[in-house]
């Protein structure tokens, strides 16, 4: 903020006051930016410099080679995974990694549960980290399985050969038809 603009008009010709106000303007701008940065670091969704601290506090491996976005997702998943593990907690964590809807199917008789990705076709990105997080929060006696949704031959029958030729076989399995 330019503090010279809030001075009364009789300081317009005072070089000493103008210089002083310009110096003070620069200092207050730096303070304001510093405060804004500090507040941003207080929240996982906007933090960048303090991500290693959040990871350390939560017992996560610090991996600076991963993107800040990925690291924030993992921290948020770990925070939401704190406490007693429930079906809705596993759904929330899985949803945060896959960016799509999921179903958790409990199979108590066989001591397992299934995570079915119904909001995305194919294998969601970042599955390796989702699996790590699920292993950290699930009860040790339960086994987990992952199910993915793909297009079937019946689904792809709506395509004409000319249209289908533009896709690879893998793309036909995972593209929205």
C-alpha atoms as a PDB file:
ATOM      1  CA  UNK A   1       0.000   0.000   0.000  1.00  0.00           C
ATOM      2  CA  UNK A   2       1.362   3.397  -0.917  1.00  0.00           C
ATOM      3  CA  UNK A   3       1.228   5.323   2.362  1.00  0.00           C
ATOM      4  CA  UNK A   4       1.975   8.638   0.632  1.00  0.00           C
ATOM      5  CA  UNK A   5      -1.587   8.598  -0.676  1.00  0.00           C
ATOM      6  CA  UNK A   6      -3.067   8.754   2.826  1.00  0.00           C
ATOM      7  CA  UNK A   7      -1.012  11.750   3.920  1.00  0.00           C
ATOM      8  CA  UNK A   8      -2.653  15.160   4.113  1.00  0.00           C
ATOM      9  CA  UNK A   9      -1.964  17.382   1.055  1.00  0.00           C
ATOM     10  CA  UNK A  10       0.447  19.683   2.908  1.00  0.00           C
ATOM     11  CA  UNK A  11       3.031  16.801   2.901  1.00  0.00           C
ATOM     12  CA  UNK A  12       3.047  16.606  -0.900  1.00  0.00           C
ATOM     13  CA  UNK A  13       6.112  18.886  -1.169  1.00  0.00           C
ATOM     14  CA  UNK A  14       7.925  17.476   1.885  1.00  0.00           C
ATOM     15  CA  UNK A  15      10.681  15.222   0.468  1.00  0.00           C
ATOM     16  CA  UNK A  16      11.620  13.828   3.894  1.00  0.00           C
ATOM     17  CA  UNK A  17       8.051  12.694   4.593  1.00  0.00           C
ATOM     18  CA  UNK A  18       7.638  11.280   1.088  1.00  0.00           C
ATOM     19  CA  UNK A  19      10.864   9.229   1.441  1.00  0.00           C
ATOM     20  CA  UNK A  20       9.899   8.020   4.908  1.00  0.00           C
ATOM     21  CA  UNK A  21       6.445   6.948   3.749  1.00  0.00           C
ATOM     22  CA  UNK A  22       7.892   5.052   0.761  1.00  0.00           C
ATOM     23  CA  UNK A  23      10.241   3.160   3.107  1.00  0.00           C
ATOM     24  CA  UNK A  24       7.376   2.402   5.480  1.00  0.00           C
ATOM     25  CA  UNK A  25       5.198   1.295   2.534  1.00  0.00           C
ATOM     26  CA  UNK A  26       7.816  -1.265   1.473  1.00  0.00           C
ATOM     27  CA  UNK A  27       8.159  -2.580   5.032  1.00  0.00           C
ATOM     28  CA  UNK A  28       4.395  -2.910   5.545  1.00  0.00           C
ATOM     29  CA  UNK A  29       4.028  -4.647   2.165  1.00  0.00           C
ATOM     30  CA  UNK A  30       6.700  -7.168   3.211  1.00  0.00           C
ATOM     31  CA  UNK A  31       4.948  -7.718   6.537  1.00  0.00           C
ATOM     32  CA  UNK A  32       1.599  -8.211   4.837  1.00  0.00           C
ATOM     33  CA  UNK A  33       3.067 -10.729   2.376  1.00  0.00           C
ATOM     34  CA  UNK A  34       4.845 -12.556   5.204  1.00  0.00           C
ATOM     35  CA  UNK A  35       1.642 -12.769   7.206  1.00  0.00           C
ATOM     36  CA  UNK A  36      -0.244 -14.084   4.194  1.00  0.00           C
ATOM     37  CA  UNK A  37       2.432 -16.741   3.606  1.00  0.00           C
ATOM     38  CA  UNK A  38       2.376 -17.740   7.278  1.00  0.00           C
ATOM     39  CA  UNK A  39      -1.394 -18.133   7.252  1.00  0.00           C
ATOM     40  CA  UNK A  40      -1.190 -20.229   4.054  1.00  0.00           C
ATOM     41  CA  UNK A  41       1.293 -22.586   5.727  1.00  0.00           C
ATOM     42  CA  UNK A  42      -1.145 -23.171   8.612  1.00  0.00           C
ATOM     43  CA  UNK A  43      -3.533 -25.091   6.352  1.00  0.00           C
ATOM     44  CA  UNK A  44      -2.648 -28.343   4.597  1.00  0.00           C
ATOM     45  CA  UNK A  45      -4.567 -27.369   1.460  1.00  0.00           C
ATOM     46  CA  UNK A  46      -2.314 -24.322   0.868  1.00  0.00           C
ATOM     47  CA  UNK A  47       0.939 -25.276   2.625  1.00  0.00           C
ATOM     48  CA  UNK A  48       4.146 -25.864   0.703  1.00  0.00           C
ATOM     49  CA  UNK A  49       7.170 -25.115   2.909  1.00  0.00           C
ATOM     50  CA  UNK A  50       5.716 -26.915   5.934  1.00  0.00           C
ATOM     51  CA  UNK A  51       4.639 -30.091   4.111  1.00  0.00           C
ATOM     52  CA  UNK A  52       7.655 -32.024   5.483  1.00  0.00           C
ATOM     53  CA  UNK A  53       6.637 -31.002   8.999  1.00  0.00           C
ATOM     54  CA  UNK A  54       3.056 -32.222   8.496  1.00  0.00           C
ATOM     55  CA  UNK A  55       4.372 -35.500   7.051  1.00  0.00           C
ATOM     56  CA  UNK A  56       6.775 -35.974   9.956  1.00  0.00           C
ATOM     57  CA  UNK A  57       4.059 -35.276  12.547  1.00  0.00           C
ATOM     58  CA  UNK A  58       1.760 -37.837  10.901  1.00  0.00           C
ATOM     59  CA  UNK A  59       4.462 -40.484  10.533  1.00  0.00           C
ATOM     60  CA  UNK A  60       4.510 -40.304   6.737  1.00  0.00           C
ATOM     61  CA  UNK A  61       7.640 -40.725   4.659  1.00  0.00           C
ATOM     62  CA  UNK A  62       8.869 -37.371   3.393  1.00  0.00           C
ATOM     63  CA  UNK A  63       9.296 -37.613  -0.373  1.00  0.00           C
ATOM     64  CA  UNK A  64      10.143 -34.232  -1.885  1.00  0.00           C
ATOM     65  CA  UNK A  65      10.244 -35.777  -5.373  1.00  0.00           C
ATOM     66  CA  UNK A  66       6.417 -35.976  -5.303  1.00  0.00           C
ATOM     67  CA  UNK A  67       4.314 -32.956  -6.207  1.00  0.00           C
ATOM     68  CA  UNK A  68       2.934 -30.697  -3.485  1.00  0.00           C
ATOM     69  CA  UNK A  69      -0.593 -31.583  -4.632  1.00  0.00           C
ATOM     70  CA  UNK A  70       0.053 -35.299  -4.131  1.00  0.00           C
ATOM     71  CA  UNK A  71       1.692 -34.714  -0.743  1.00  0.00           C
ATOM     72  CA  UNK A  72      -1.257 -32.585   0.405  1.00  0.00           C
ATOM     73  CA  UNK A  73      -3.704 -35.338  -0.628  1.00  0.00           C
ATOM     74  CA  UNK A  74      -1.738 -37.913   1.327  1.00  0.00           C
ATOM     75  CA  UNK A  75      -1.604 -35.692   4.421  1.00  0.00           C
ATOM     76  CA  UNK A  76      -5.345 -34.982   4.214  1.00  0.00           C
ATOM     77  CA  UNK A  77      -6.048 -38.687   3.790  1.00  0.00           C
ATOM     78  CA  UNK A  78      -3.918 -39.507   6.831  1.00  0.00           C
ATOM     79  CA  UNK A  79      -5.671 -36.840   8.903  1.00  0.00           C
ATOM     80  CA  UNK A  80      -9.118 -38.074   7.856  1.00  0.00           C
ATOM     81  CA  UNK A  81      -7.941 -41.617   8.606  1.00  0.00           C
ATOM     82  CA  UNK A  82      -7.127 -40.829  12.243  1.00  0.00           C
ATOM     83  CA  UNK A  83      -9.149 -42.639  14.874  1.00  0.00           C
ATOM     84  CA  UNK A  84     -11.338 -45.706  14.514  1.00  0.00           C
ATOM     85  CA  UNK A  85     -11.427 -47.143  11.025  1.00  0.00           C
ATOM     86  CA  UNK A  86     -14.935 -47.174   9.585  1.00  0.00           C
ATOM     87  CA  UNK A  87     -16.436 -47.974   6.217  1.00  0.00           C
ATOM     88  CA  UNK A  88     -17.111 -44.276   5.546  1.00  0.00           C
ATOM     89  CA  UNK A  89     -13.517 -43.374   6.470  1.00  0.00           C
ATOM     90  CA  UNK A  90     -12.163 -45.882   3.944  1.00  0.00           C
ATOM     91  CA  UNK A  91     -14.584 -44.502   1.336  1.00  0.00           C
ATOM     92  CA  UNK A  92     -13.460 -40.924   2.051  1.00  0.00           C
ATOM     93  CA  UNK A  93      -9.761 -41.787   1.839  1.00  0.00           C
ATOM     94  CA  UNK A  94     -10.251 -43.810  -1.359  1.00  0.00           C
ATOM     95  CA  UNK A  95     -12.342 -41.036  -2.900  1.00  0.00           C
ATOM     96  CA  UNK A  96      -9.639 -38.451  -2.144  1.00  0.00           C
ATOM     97  CA  UNK A  97      -7.021 -40.505  -4.013  1.00  0.00           C
ATOM     98  CA  UNK A  98      -9.147 -41.590  -6.964  1.00  0.00           C
ATOM     99  CA  UNK A  99     -11.079 -38.343  -7.524  1.00  0.00           C
ATOM    100  CA  UNK A 100     -14.196 -40.430  -8.133  1.00  0.00           C
ATOM    101  CA  UNK A 101     -16.899 -42.316  -6.326  1.00  0.00           C
ATOM    102  CA  UNK A 102     -16.080 -45.569  -4.557  1.00  0.00           C
ATOM    103  CA  UNK A 103     -18.025 -48.320  -2.845  1.00  0.00           C
ATOM    104  CA  UNK A 104     -16.691 -50.275   0.087  1.00  0.00           C
ATOM    105  CA  UNK A 105     -18.188 -53.740   0.320  1.00  0.00           C
ATOM    106  CA  UNK A 106     -17.735 -55.477   3.634  1.00  0.00           C
ATOM    107  CA  UNK A 107     -17.227 -59.254   3.685  1.00  0.00           C
ATOM    108  CA  UNK A 108     -16.982 -59.890   7.419  1.00  0.00           C
ATOM    109  CA  UNK A 109     -17.339 -63.673   7.116  1.00  0.00           C
ATOM    110  CA  UNK A 110     -14.101 -63.816   5.106  1.00  0.00           C
ATOM    111  CA  UNK A 111     -12.330 -61.057   7.084  1.00  0.00           C
ATOM    112  CA  UNK A 112     -11.983 -58.791   4.074  1.00  0.00           C
ATOM    113  CA  UNK A 113     -13.462 -55.807   2.305  1.00  0.00           C
ATOM    114  CA  UNK A 114     -13.541 -54.691  -1.316  1.00  0.00           C
ATOM    115  CA  UNK A 115     -12.946 -51.180  -2.585  1.00  0.00           C
ATOM    116  CA  UNK A 116     -14.800 -50.788  -5.894  1.00  0.00           C
ATOM    117  CA  UNK A 117     -14.077 -47.725  -7.993  1.00  0.00           C
ATOM    118  CA  UNK A 118     -17.383 -46.826  -9.599  1.00  0.00           C
ATOM    119  CA  UNK A 119     -16.697 -43.189 -10.459  1.00  0.00           C
ATOM    120  CA  UNK A 120     -13.798 -43.754 -12.844  1.00  0.00           C
ATOM    121  CA  UNK A 121     -13.115 -46.286 -15.576  1.00  0.00           C
ATOM    122  CA  UNK A 122      -9.939 -48.327 -15.311  1.00  0.00           C
ATOM    123  CA  UNK A 123      -7.299 -48.091 -12.641  1.00  0.00           C
ATOM    124  CA  UNK A 124      -7.190 -44.660 -10.982  1.00  0.00           C
ATOM    125  CA  UNK A 125      -3.874 -42.854 -10.917  1.00  0.00           C
ATOM    126  CA  UNK A 126      -1.931 -42.900  -7.671  1.00  0.00           C
ATOM    127  CA  UNK A 127      -3.042 -46.426  -6.717  1.00  0.00           C
ATOM    128  CA  UNK A 128       0.315 -47.268  -5.132  1.00  0.00           C
ATOM    129  CA  UNK A 129      -0.063 -44.482  -2.593  1.00  0.00           C
ATOM    130  CA  UNK A 130      -3.714 -45.278  -1.969  1.00  0.00           C
ATOM    131  CA  UNK A 131      -2.743 -48.876  -1.196  1.00  0.00           C
ATOM    132  CA  UNK A 132      -0.078 -47.669   1.246  1.00  0.00           C
ATOM    133  CA  UNK A 133      -2.558 -45.411   3.008  1.00  0.00           C
ATOM    134  CA  UNK A 134      -5.241 -48.112   3.211  1.00  0.00           C
ATOM    135  CA  UNK A 135      -2.675 -50.518   4.693  1.00  0.00           C
ATOM    136  CA  UNK A 136      -1.832 -47.904   7.325  1.00  0.00           C
ATOM    137  CA  UNK A 137      -5.436 -47.284   8.418  1.00  0.00           C
ATOM    138  CA  UNK A 138      -7.170 -50.661   8.006  1.00  0.00           C
ATOM    139  CA  UNK A 139      -7.302 -53.167  10.844  1.00  0.00           C
ATOM    140  CA  UNK A 140      -4.438 -55.651  10.481  1.00  0.00           C
ATOM    141  CA  UNK A 141      -6.704 -58.722  10.433  1.00  0.00           C
ATOM    142  CA  UNK A 142      -8.652 -57.562   7.374  1.00  0.00           C
ATOM    143  CA  UNK A 143      -7.668 -58.216   3.783  1.00  0.00           C
ATOM    144  CA  UNK A 144      -8.443 -55.633   1.111  1.00  0.00           C
ATOM    145  CA  UNK A 145      -9.258 -56.161  -2.559  1.00  0.00           C
ATOM    146  CA  UNK A 146      -9.597 -53.539  -5.265  1.00  0.00           C
ATOM    147  CA  UNK A 147     -12.140 -53.735  -8.096  1.00  0.00           C
ATOM    148  CA  UNK A 148     -12.058 -51.568 -11.176  1.00  0.00           C
ATOM    149  CA  UNK A 149     -14.771 -50.846 -13.721  1.00  0.00           C
ATOM    150  CA  UNK A 150     -14.069 -51.200 -17.455  1.00  0.00           C
ATOM    151  CA  UNK A 151     -16.181 -50.950 -20.592  1.00  0.00           C
ATOM    152  CA  UNK A 152     -17.438 -54.330 -21.742  1.00  0.00           C
ATOM    153  CA  UNK A 153     -17.952 -55.558 -25.317  1.00  0.00           C
ATOM    154  CA  UNK A 154     -21.612 -54.653 -24.910  1.00  0.00           C
ATOM    155  CA  UNK A 155     -20.649 -51.094 -23.890  1.00  0.00           C
ATOM    156  CA  UNK A 156     -18.300 -50.702 -26.851  1.00  0.00           C
ATOM    157  CA  UNK A 157     -20.869 -51.994 -29.341  1.00  0.00           C
ATOM    158  CA  UNK A 158     -22.175 -48.414 -29.684  1.00  0.00           C
ATOM    159  CA  UNK A 159     -18.955 -47.504 -31.526  1.00  0.00           C
ATOM    160  CA  UNK A 160     -18.685 -47.828 -35.274  1.00  0.00           C
ATOM    161  CA  UNK A 161     -15.457 -49.291 -36.668  1.00  0.00           C
ATOM    162  CA  UNK A 162     -14.388 -45.889 -37.987  1.00  0.00           C
ATOM    163  CA  UNK A 163     -14.761 -44.348 -34.532  1.00  0.00           C
ATOM    164  CA  UNK A 164     -13.200 -47.300 -32.717  1.00  0.00           C
ATOM    165  CA  UNK A 165     -10.136 -47.186 -34.988  1.00  0.00           C
ATOM    166  CA  UNK A 166      -9.133 -43.893 -33.353  1.00  0.00           C
ATOM    167  CA  UNK A 167      -8.656 -45.666 -29.995  1.00  0.00           C
ATOM    168  CA  UNK A 168      -6.265 -48.312 -28.699  1.00  0.00           C
ATOM    169  CA  UNK A 169      -7.743 -51.405 -27.032  1.00  0.00           C
ATOM    170  CA  UNK A 170      -6.839 -49.975 -23.624  1.00  0.00           C
ATOM    171  CA  UNK A 171      -8.540 -46.678 -24.426  1.00  0.00           C
ATOM    172  CA  UNK A 172     -11.724 -48.455 -25.518  1.00  0.00           C
ATOM    173  CA  UNK A 173     -11.790 -50.188 -22.126  1.00  0.00           C
ATOM    174  CA  UNK A 174     -11.462 -46.942 -20.199  1.00  0.00           C
ATOM    175  CA  UNK A 175     -12.944 -44.125 -22.321  1.00  0.00           C
ATOM    176  CA  UNK A 176     -16.404 -42.713 -21.596  1.00  0.00           C
ATOM    177  CA  UNK A 177     -18.644 -43.994 -24.403  1.00  0.00           C
END
